[in-house]
């Protein structure tokens, strides 16, 4: 089992004033506990907090994002992950093109390899996200 990440008080202060500067005290504590529990390093950009509706206490919400690098760290720990052997594919629709979707993306599909624990064989796994 991997050792959980621990930060010194100096490192915590630096995270609070840089990476998590928009977090209030409770959000910051939650963010650092999730980072520690998952063994992810906020300094390496493996995990980040995003605060929505900062100015409106009733709507304020924090979302903790595990970045692509963080996801790779977690997958690598499993020992049954191999990176993609081909680039992602995209489905587009010109009717969807706009300011927030300039390429008109409908969906994106990525591929990776996963090892079967029983047979040792590798098989390709696809993951799809829709706009």
Protein backbone atom coordinates (compact mmCIF):
# COMPACT_ATOMS: atom_id res chain seq x y z
CA UNK A 1 0.00 0.00 0.00
CA UNK A 2 1.25 3.48 -0.85
CA UNK A 3 2.13 5.90 1.89
CA UNK A 4 -0.39 8.72 2.14
CA UNK A 5 0.90 12.13 1.20
CA UNK A 6 1.60 14.42 4.13
CA UNK A 7 2.41 18.10 3.89
CA UNK A 8 4.39 20.21 6.33
CA UNK A 9 2.77 23.30 7.83
CA UNK A 10 4.89 25.44 5.48
CA UNK A 11 3.68 23.45 2.46
CA UNK A 12 0.06 23.66 3.65
CA UNK A 13 0.39 27.46 3.94
CA UNK A 14 1.79 27.62 0.42
CA UNK A 15 -1.05 25.48 -0.98
CA UNK A 16 -3.58 27.71 0.80
CA UNK A 17 -2.17 30.92 -0.71
CA UNK A 18 -1.61 29.58 -4.22
CA UNK A 19 -3.35 26.42 -5.41
CA UNK A 20 -6.35 26.69 -3.07
CA UNK A 21 -6.49 30.47 -2.63
CA UNK A 22 -10.25 30.61 -3.33
CA UNK A 23 -11.10 28.00 -0.67
CA UNK A 24 -12.55 28.96 2.69
CA UNK A 25 -11.25 27.13 5.79
CA UNK A 26 -13.66 24.16 5.55
CA UNK A 27 -13.14 23.76 1.80
CA UNK A 28 -9.38 23.91 2.27
CA UNK A 29 -9.48 21.25 4.98
CA UNK A 30 -11.61 19.00 2.79
CA UNK A 31 -9.34 19.52 -0.21
CA UNK A 32 -6.19 18.67 1.74
CA UNK A 33 -7.81 15.57 3.27
CA UNK A 34 -8.87 14.30 -0.16
CA UNK A 35 -5.37 14.98 -1.55
CA UNK A 36 -3.79 13.19 1.42
CA UNK A 37 -6.23 10.29 1.28
CA UNK A 38 -5.66 9.73 -2.42
CA UNK A 39 -1.91 10.29 -2.13
CA UNK A 40 -1.96 13.05 -4.75
CA UNK A 41 0.34 16.04 -4.89
CA UNK A 42 -1.29 19.45 -5.39
CA UNK A 43 2.15 20.94 -6.18
CA UNK A 44 2.44 18.66 -9.20
CA UNK A 45 -1.08 19.57 -10.36
CA UNK A 46 -2.42 16.09 -9.68
CA UNK A 47 -5.40 17.46 -7.75
CA UNK A 48 -7.00 20.92 -7.75
CA UNK A 49 -9.98 22.62 -6.06
CA UNK A 50 -12.42 24.68 -8.12
CA UNK A 51 -14.81 27.05 -6.39
CA UNK A 52 -18.01 28.02 -8.17
CA UNK A 53 -20.23 31.00 -7.22
CA UNK A 54 -17.57 32.44 -4.90
CA UNK A 55 -19.56 35.61 -4.28
CA UNK A 56 -22.86 33.88 -3.45
CA UNK A 57 -22.75 31.88 -0.21
CA UNK A 58 -26.05 30.14 -1.00
CA UNK A 59 -24.75 28.85 -4.34
CA UNK A 60 -21.07 28.43 -3.43
CA UNK A 61 -19.73 24.98 -4.27
CA UNK A 62 -16.32 23.38 -4.36
CA UNK A 63 -15.47 20.64 -6.81
CA UNK A 64 -12.25 18.70 -6.32
CA UNK A 65 -10.72 17.71 -9.63
CA UNK A 66 -8.25 14.89 -10.06
CA UNK A 67 -6.35 15.93 -13.16
CA UNK A 68 -5.17 13.71 -15.97
CA UNK A 69 -1.79 13.40 -14.24
CA UNK A 70 -3.50 12.48 -10.98
CA UNK A 71 -5.64 9.87 -12.73
CA UNK A 72 -2.50 8.40 -14.27
CA UNK A 73 -0.81 8.21 -10.86
CA UNK A 74 -3.80 6.35 -9.43
CA UNK A 75 -4.00 4.01 -12.43
CA UNK A 76 -0.27 3.29 -12.32
CA UNK A 77 -0.54 2.23 -8.66
CA UNK A 78 -2.93 -0.53 -9.70
CA UNK A 79 -0.20 -2.17 -11.80
CA UNK A 80 -2.66 -3.25 -14.48
CA UNK A 81 -2.72 -0.09 -16.59
CA UNK A 82 -0.94 0.75 -19.81
CA UNK A 83 -1.29 4.04 -21.68
CA UNK A 84 -3.18 4.38 -24.92
CA UNK A 85 -1.67 3.08 -28.13
CA UNK A 86 -3.74 5.35 -30.35
CA UNK A 87 -4.92 8.95 -30.15
CA UNK A 88 -8.39 9.96 -28.97
CA UNK A 89 -11.20 10.15 -31.49
CA UNK A 90 -13.77 12.92 -31.70
CA UNK A 91 -17.30 13.12 -33.04
CA UNK A 92 -18.23 16.61 -34.19
CA UNK A 93 -21.32 18.39 -35.46
CA UNK A 94 -21.06 21.78 -37.17
CA UNK A 95 -24.48 22.70 -35.74
CA UNK A 96 -22.95 22.67 -32.24
CA UNK A 97 -20.12 25.09 -33.04
CA UNK A 98 -20.16 28.17 -30.85
CA UNK A 99 -18.18 30.23 -28.38
CA UNK A 100 -18.05 27.46 -25.76
CA UNK A 101 -17.62 24.63 -28.29
CA UNK A 102 -15.65 26.08 -31.23
CA UNK A 103 -14.99 22.67 -32.80
CA UNK A 104 -18.58 21.43 -32.43
CA UNK A 105 -17.53 18.42 -30.36
CA UNK A 106 -20.28 15.91 -29.63
CA UNK A 107 -18.09 13.34 -27.87
CA UNK A 108 -14.50 12.25 -27.34
CA UNK A 109 -13.32 8.68 -26.94
CA UNK A 110 -10.00 7.67 -25.39
CA UNK A 111 -8.39 4.27 -25.14
CA UNK A 112 -6.13 2.54 -22.65
CA UNK A 113 -5.02 -0.98 -21.91
CA UNK A 114 -6.05 -2.98 -18.84
CA UNK A 115 -4.64 -6.29 -17.74
CA UNK A 116 -6.89 -9.19 -16.78
CA UNK A 117 -5.75 -10.26 -13.30
CA UNK A 118 -6.56 -13.92 -13.90
CA UNK A 119 -5.17 -14.55 -17.38
CA UNK A 120 -2.56 -11.78 -17.59
CA UNK A 121 -3.92 -10.84 -21.02
CA UNK A 122 -4.16 -7.16 -21.96
CA UNK A 123 -7.30 -5.73 -23.49
CA UNK A 124 -8.21 -2.31 -24.80
CA UNK A 125 -10.73 -0.26 -22.87
CA UNK A 126 -12.54 2.76 -24.34
CA UNK A 127 -13.84 5.68 -22.32
CA UNK A 128 -16.24 8.20 -23.79
CA UNK A 129 -17.25 11.66 -22.68
CA UNK A 130 -20.08 13.59 -24.26
CA UNK A 131 -20.24 17.37 -24.57
